[in-house]
Amino acid sequence: MTASNAPRDEQSPRPGGQPGVHLDSTAHLMNRISSQLAGQLSLVSLDGRRRPGPPALVLVAHGSRDPRALSTVRSLLELVRERRPSLPVRLGHIELNAPLLPDTLAELGDTPAVLVPLLLGRGHHVKQDIPATAAEAGGHAYVAAPLGPHPLLVETLYARLGEAGWQAPRTEAERAAAAVVLAAAGSRAPDSAADTRRSAQLLAERLGVPVVPAYASAATPTVEAAVRSLSARGRHRIAVASYFTAPGRFATESAAKAPWIASAPLGAHPAMARLVLHRYDQALAAGGASNAA
């Protein structure tokens, strides 16, 4: 399965150079109503009987004491719903926030579900905790791959860096002075570190400057150590790219180490919604529909 096409973020210009705010808003509303009706009709067979709906998509967030995290995850959930209105989308947390994942699965009952971790690599939560919770739910849930690494994450990272003030180096001297630290949560799992390194490589290819993976906990180098190392190599224009799904303590602490700019967490970006649905579709294509049934 491939990801869906990106939605238009800009309003289409109208004659005279002024955007048609009212017309665009009306068109968006009509498109959304049409999508919802089409989704409802697709659940009805030609003989009038209701077809089984698709497995629910459960966004699995880590959870945070930072209230901005829950708000961000809910905004991402709404983006996913807007892109596929006929799909039931739910939220479950590993810890710290309600609803907790076991409660979400209990509420779904026998409804098949695909759990999409809002996590960026193959750490302990992805390999152990989430599958264990899915198994305890009675075999109706299937676990998709984590979000990273993937080019859509790089698209989001690039956009967030641009929002923070990143500009592509225009000369060799500027390129020699620039670098990025990819600040991630960190994990003791080797697969998780490999996934973060791959994301750093993809981002470096996009930016054309070195990107060093660094961690807020459980792994080395730390963000501060990575900044020091780059500075010692003559890189004095160093940005910190926040490789976190949502705001939280680790994201805040990592951003504070930036000697120049720090980007916002990945958050509710259209590319993130596309990636969530891509992982859901991948899971179904790989057998999630039968395993979850």
Protein backbone atom coordinates (compact mmCIF):
# COMPACT_ATOMS: atom_id res chain seq x y z
CA MET A 1 0.00 0.00 0.00
CA THR A 2 1.18 3.49 -0.64
CA ALA A 3 0.37 6.65 1.24
CA SER A 4 -2.47 8.87 0.10
CA ASN A 5 -1.91 12.08 -1.82
CA ALA A 6 -1.26 15.12 0.34
CA PRO A 7 -4.20 17.47 0.91
CA ARG A 8 -4.03 21.05 -0.35
CA ASP A 9 -3.03 23.37 2.44
CA GLU A 10 -3.42 26.60 0.49
CA GLN A 11 -6.60 28.24 -0.64
CA SER A 12 -7.02 28.46 -4.40
CA PRO A 13 -6.70 32.04 -5.67
CA ARG A 14 -9.76 33.68 -7.21
CA PRO A 15 -9.98 36.33 -9.94
CA GLY A 16 -8.48 39.55 -8.68
CA GLY A 17 -5.91 37.72 -6.55
CA GLN A 18 -8.13 37.32 -3.47
CA PRO A 19 -8.63 33.86 -1.96
CA GLY A 20 -12.24 32.66 -2.00
CA VAL A 21 -12.55 31.92 1.70
CA HIS A 22 -16.32 31.38 1.74
CA LEU A 23 -16.39 29.30 -1.43
CA ASP A 24 -13.41 27.20 -0.35
CA SER A 25 -15.00 26.58 3.04
CA THR A 26 -18.28 25.55 1.40
CA ALA A 27 -16.50 23.28 -1.06
CA HIS A 28 -14.55 21.65 1.76
CA LEU A 29 -17.77 21.04 3.69
CA MET A 30 -19.52 19.53 0.66
CA ASN A 31 -16.56 17.26 -0.08
CA ARG A 32 -16.54 16.07 3.51
CA ILE A 33 -20.30 15.34 3.45
CA SER A 34 -19.90 13.47 0.15
CA SER A 35 -17.05 11.39 1.59
CA GLN A 36 -19.11 10.52 4.65
CA LEU A 37 -22.11 9.48 2.54
CA ALA A 38 -19.92 7.41 0.24
CA GLY A 39 -18.38 5.71 3.25
CA GLN A 40 -21.79 4.89 4.70
CA LEU A 41 -23.13 3.58 1.38
CA SER A 42 -20.07 1.35 0.96
CA LEU A 43 -21.16 -0.51 4.09
CA VAL A 44 -24.43 -1.56 2.43
CA SER A 45 -24.47 -4.44 -0.06
CA LEU A 46 -26.67 -4.56 -3.16
CA ASP A 47 -29.23 -6.72 -1.36
CA GLY A 48 -29.58 -4.08 1.36
CA ARG A 49 -27.71 -5.97 4.07
CA ARG A 50 -25.02 -4.17 6.05
CA ARG A 51 -21.47 -5.21 5.23
CA PRO A 52 -18.90 -5.63 7.97
CA GLY A 53 -17.08 -2.36 8.52
CA PRO A 54 -13.30 -2.03 8.34
CA PRO A 55 -11.23 -2.82 11.44
CA ALA A 56 -10.95 0.14 13.76
CA LEU A 57 -7.74 2.14 13.71
CA VAL A 58 -6.43 2.67 17.23
CA LEU A 59 -3.76 5.34 17.62
CA VAL A 60 -1.46 4.18 20.41
CA ALA A 61 0.22 7.15 22.08
CA HIS A 62 2.78 6.92 24.85
CA GLY A 63 1.17 9.43 27.19
CA SER A 64 2.65 12.44 28.95
CA ARG A 65 2.09 14.70 31.95
CA ASP A 66 2.43 17.64 29.57
CA PRO A 67 -1.15 18.66 28.68
CA ARG A 68 0.01 19.73 25.22
CA ALA A 69 0.73 16.09 24.35
CA LEU A 70 -2.89 14.94 24.67
CA SER A 71 -4.11 17.97 22.73
CA THR A 72 -1.61 17.28 19.95
CA VAL A 73 -2.50 13.60 19.66
CA ARG A 74 -6.20 14.43 19.52
CA SER A 75 -5.53 16.92 16.73
CA LEU A 76 -3.65 14.25 14.79
CA LEU A 77 -6.55 11.85 15.34
CA GLU A 78 -8.91 14.41 13.81
CA LEU A 79 -6.65 14.76 10.76
CA VAL A 80 -6.78 11.00 10.28
CA ARG A 81 -10.57 11.01 10.56
CA GLU A 82 -10.84 13.82 8.01
CA ARG A 83 -8.76 11.88 5.51
CA ARG A 84 -10.86 8.71 5.88
CA PRO A 85 -14.27 9.57 7.33
CA SER A 86 -15.70 6.04 7.06
CA LEU A 87 -12.94 4.55 9.22
CA PRO A 88 -13.56 4.23 12.98
CA VAL A 89 -10.57 5.86 14.70
CA ARG A 90 -9.88 5.56 18.43
CA LEU A 91 -7.12 6.59 20.84
CA GLY A 92 -5.37 4.58 23.54
CA HIS A 93 -2.37 5.43 25.73
CA ILE A 94 0.37 3.22 27.10
CA GLU A 95 0.47 5.22 30.34
CA LEU A 96 -0.19 8.57 32.04
CA ASN A 97 -3.23 9.64 29.99
CA ALA A 98 -6.76 8.41 29.50
CA PRO A 99 -8.02 6.52 27.73
CA LEU A 100 -5.50 3.78 28.41
CA LEU A 101 -5.07 1.24 25.63
CA PRO A 102 -6.69 -1.68 27.53
CA ASP A 103 -9.77 0.47 28.18
CA THR A 104 -10.04 1.42 24.50
CA LEU A 105 -9.80 -2.22 23.43
CA ALA A 106 -12.34 -3.24 26.07
CA GLU A 107 -14.74 -0.62 24.71
CA LEU A 108 -14.30 -1.98 21.18
CA GLY A 109 -15.17 -5.47 22.41
CA ASP A 110 -15.11 -7.99 19.56
CA THR A 111 -14.60 -5.31 16.92
CA PRO A 112 -11.38 -6.04 14.99
CA ALA A 113 -8.75 -3.33 15.39
CA VAL A 114 -5.36 -2.34 14.02
CA LEU A 115 -3.13 -0.68 16.59
CA VAL A 116 -0.88 1.97 15.04
CA PRO A 117 1.87 3.00 17.48
CA LEU A 118 2.60 6.72 17.49
CA LEU A 119 6.18 5.72 18.18
CA LEU A 120 9.17 6.22 15.93
CA GLY A 121 11.11 2.98 16.17
CA ARG A 122 11.19 -0.63 17.28
CA GLY A 123 11.67 -0.11 21.01
CA HIS A 124 10.33 -2.04 24.00
CA HIS A 125 6.83 -0.58 23.79
CA VAL A 126 6.45 -1.62 20.14
CA LYS A 127 8.02 -5.05 20.50
CA GLN A 128 6.68 -6.05 23.93
CA ASP A 129 4.10 -3.83 25.64
CA ILE A 130 1.68 -3.13 22.80
CA PRO A 131 1.59 -6.73 21.46
CA ALA A 132 1.04 -8.01 25.00
CA THR A 133 -1.90 -5.66 25.49
CA ALA A 134 -3.31 -6.70 22.11
CA ALA A 135 -3.06 -10.37 23.07
CA GLU A 136 -4.82 -9.74 26.37
CA ALA A 137 -7.70 -8.14 24.45
CA GLY A 138 -8.70 -11.55 23.13
CA GLY A 139 -7.05 -11.73 19.73
CA HIS A 140 -9.13 -9.06 18.00
CA ALA A 141 -6.29 -6.54 17.66
CA TYR A 142 -3.35 -6.50 15.28
CA VAL A 143 -0.25 -4.32 15.77
CA ALA A 144 1.04 -2.24 12.87
CA ALA A 145 4.64 -1.14 12.42
CA PRO A 146 5.86 1.98 14.23
CA LEU A 147 5.86 5.22 12.28
CA GLY A 148 9.59 5.35 11.69
CA PRO A 149 11.70 5.31 9.75
CA HIS A 150 9.78 6.61 6.74
CA PRO A 151 10.10 9.44 4.18
CA LEU A 152 6.85 10.99 5.46
CA LEU A 153 8.53 11.52 8.82
CA VAL A 154 11.35 13.28 7.02
CA GLU A 155 8.80 15.43 5.22
CA THR A 156 7.37 16.45 8.59
CA LEU A 157 10.79 17.06 10.13
CA TYR A 158 11.74 19.24 7.17
CA ALA A 159 8.53 21.26 7.51
CA ARG A 160 9.00 21.76 11.26
CA LEU A 161 12.59 22.90 10.76
CA GLY A 162 11.41 25.39 8.16
CA GLU A 163 8.84 26.74 10.59
CA ALA A 164 11.61 27.21 13.15
CA GLY A 165 13.72 29.25 10.74
CA TRP A 166 15.86 26.72 8.88
CA GLN A 167 17.04 27.84 5.47
CA ALA A 168 18.97 25.71 3.02
CA PRO A 169 22.66 26.67 2.85
CA ARG A 170 23.33 28.75 -0.24
CA THR A 171 27.12 28.53 -0.35
CA GLU A 172 29.77 25.97 0.46
CA ALA A 173 30.78 28.02 3.49
CA GLU A 174 27.23 27.99 4.85
CA ARG A 175 26.98 24.25 4.22
CA ALA A 176 30.26 23.64 6.05
CA ALA A 177 28.94 25.53 9.08
CA ALA A 178 25.51 23.90 9.28
CA ALA A 179 24.38 20.69 10.95
CA VAL A 180 21.35 19.17 12.65
CA VAL A 181 20.97 17.09 15.79
CA LEU A 182 18.03 14.69 15.55
CA ALA A 183 16.80 14.58 19.14
CA ALA A 184 14.98 11.33 19.96
CA ALA A 185 13.66 9.80 23.16
CA GLY A 186 16.18 6.96 23.26
CA SER A 187 15.91 3.23 23.91
CA ARG A 188 18.15 0.35 24.92
CA ALA A 189 16.80 -1.69 22.01
CA PRO A 190 19.35 -1.94 19.16
CA ASP A 191 16.57 -1.94 16.56
CA SER A 192 15.28 1.38 17.89
CA ALA A 193 18.72 2.98 17.57
CA ALA A 194 19.03 1.60 14.03
CA ASP A 195 15.66 3.13 13.12
CA THR A 196 16.70 6.53 14.47
CA ARG A 197 19.99 6.39 12.58
CA ARG A 198 18.09 5.62 9.39
CA SER A 199 15.81 8.61 9.93
CA ALA A 200 18.87 10.79 10.50
CA GLN A 201 20.36 9.53 7.24
CA LEU A 202 17.16 10.27 5.31
CA LEU A 203 16.97 13.77 6.80
CA ALA A 204 20.64 14.42 5.97
CA GLU A 205 19.95 13.48 2.36
CA ARG A 206 17.04 15.93 2.30
CA LEU A 207 18.93 18.81 3.94
CA GLY A 208 22.36 18.31 2.42
CA VAL A 209 24.12 18.72 5.79
CA PRO A 210 25.21 16.27 8.52
CA VAL A 211 22.45 15.02 10.82
CA VAL A 212 23.55 13.36 14.06
CA PRO A 213 21.09 11.23 16.05
CA ALA A 214 21.09 11.98 19.78
CA TYR A 215 18.95 10.94 22.72
CA ALA A 216 17.15 12.35 25.71
CA SER A 217 17.54 9.12 27.72
CA ALA A 218 18.71 5.49 27.69
CA ALA A 219 21.23 5.89 24.85
CA THR A 220 24.20 7.96 23.72
CA PRO A 221 25.17 10.48 22.58
CA THR A 222 23.06 12.96 24.48
CA VAL A 223 21.79 16.02 22.64
CA GLU A 224 24.29 18.19 24.51
CA ALA A 225 27.19 15.87 23.63
CA ALA A 226 26.18 15.80 19.96
CA VAL A 227 26.07 19.61 19.86
CA ARG A 228 29.55 19.79 21.46
CA SER A 229 30.96 17.29 18.98
CA LEU A 230 29.62 19.18 15.99
CA SER A 231 30.87 22.50 17.37
CA ALA A 232 34.34 21.00 17.78
CA ARG A 233 34.27 20.11 14.09
CA GLY A 234 33.59 23.73 13.14
CA ARG A 235 29.81 23.43 12.80
CA HIS A 236 28.45 26.49 14.57
CA ARG A 237 25.04 26.77 12.91
CA ILE A 238 23.40 23.79 14.62
CA ALA A 239 19.66 23.12 14.71
CA VAL A 240 17.92 20.58 16.91
CA ALA A 241 15.18 18.64 15.10
CA SER A 242 12.60 17.38 17.56
CA TYR A 243 12.01 13.70 16.77
CA PHE A 244 9.06 13.34 19.11
CA THR A 245 5.44 12.73 18.20
CA ALA A 246 4.14 15.33 20.67
CA PRO A 247 5.36 17.85 23.23
CA GLY A 248 6.65 16.54 26.55
CA ARG A 249 9.54 16.68 28.97
CA PHE A 250 12.10 15.08 26.64
CA ALA A 251 11.16 17.37 23.75
CA THR A 252 11.38 20.45 25.98
CA GLU A 253 14.74 19.45 27.48
CA SER A 254 16.20 18.64 24.05
CA ALA A 255 15.09 21.94 22.56
CA ALA A 256 16.76 23.79 25.42
CA LYS A 257 20.15 22.40 24.27
CA ALA A 258 19.89 24.00 20.83
CA PRO A 259 22.61 26.60 20.22
CA TRP A 260 20.61 28.08 17.33
CA ILE A 261 17.04 26.89 16.52
CA ALA A 262 14.93 23.96 17.63
CA SER A 263 11.94 22.66 15.72
CA ALA A 264 8.60 21.74 17.23
CA PRO A 265 7.65 18.06 17.67
CA LEU A 266 6.18 16.25 14.68
CA GLY A 267 2.63 16.70 15.94
CA ALA A 268 -0.56 17.07 13.90
CA HIS A 269 0.92 17.49 10.43
CA PRO A 270 -0.83 16.26 7.23
CA ALA A 271 2.12 14.00 6.42
CA MET A 272 1.77 12.37 9.84
CA ALA A 273 -1.89 11.60 9.17
CA ARG A 274 -0.93 10.09 5.83
CA LEU A 275 1.71 7.95 7.52
CA VAL A 276 -0.72 6.69 10.18
CA LEU A 277 -3.12 5.54 7.46
CA HIS A 278 -0.24 4.05 5.47
CA ARG A 279 0.79 1.91 8.46
CA TYR A 280 -2.83 0.86 8.96
CA ASP A 281 -3.15 -0.14 5.30
CA GLN A 282 0.18 -1.97 5.41
CA ALA A 283 -0.97 -3.98 8.42
CA LEU A 284 -4.16 -5.02 6.65
CA ALA A 285 -2.29 -5.93 3.47
CA ALA A 286 0.12 -8.07 5.50
CA GLY A 287 -2.73 -10.08 6.99
CA GLY A 288 -3.99 -7.80 9.73
CA ALA A 289 -7.58 -8.19 8.57
CA SER A 290 -7.55 -11.95 9.07
CA ASN A 291 -5.40 -11.86 12.19
CA ALA A 292 -7.61 -9.23 13.78
CA ALA A 293 -10.89 -10.93 12.89
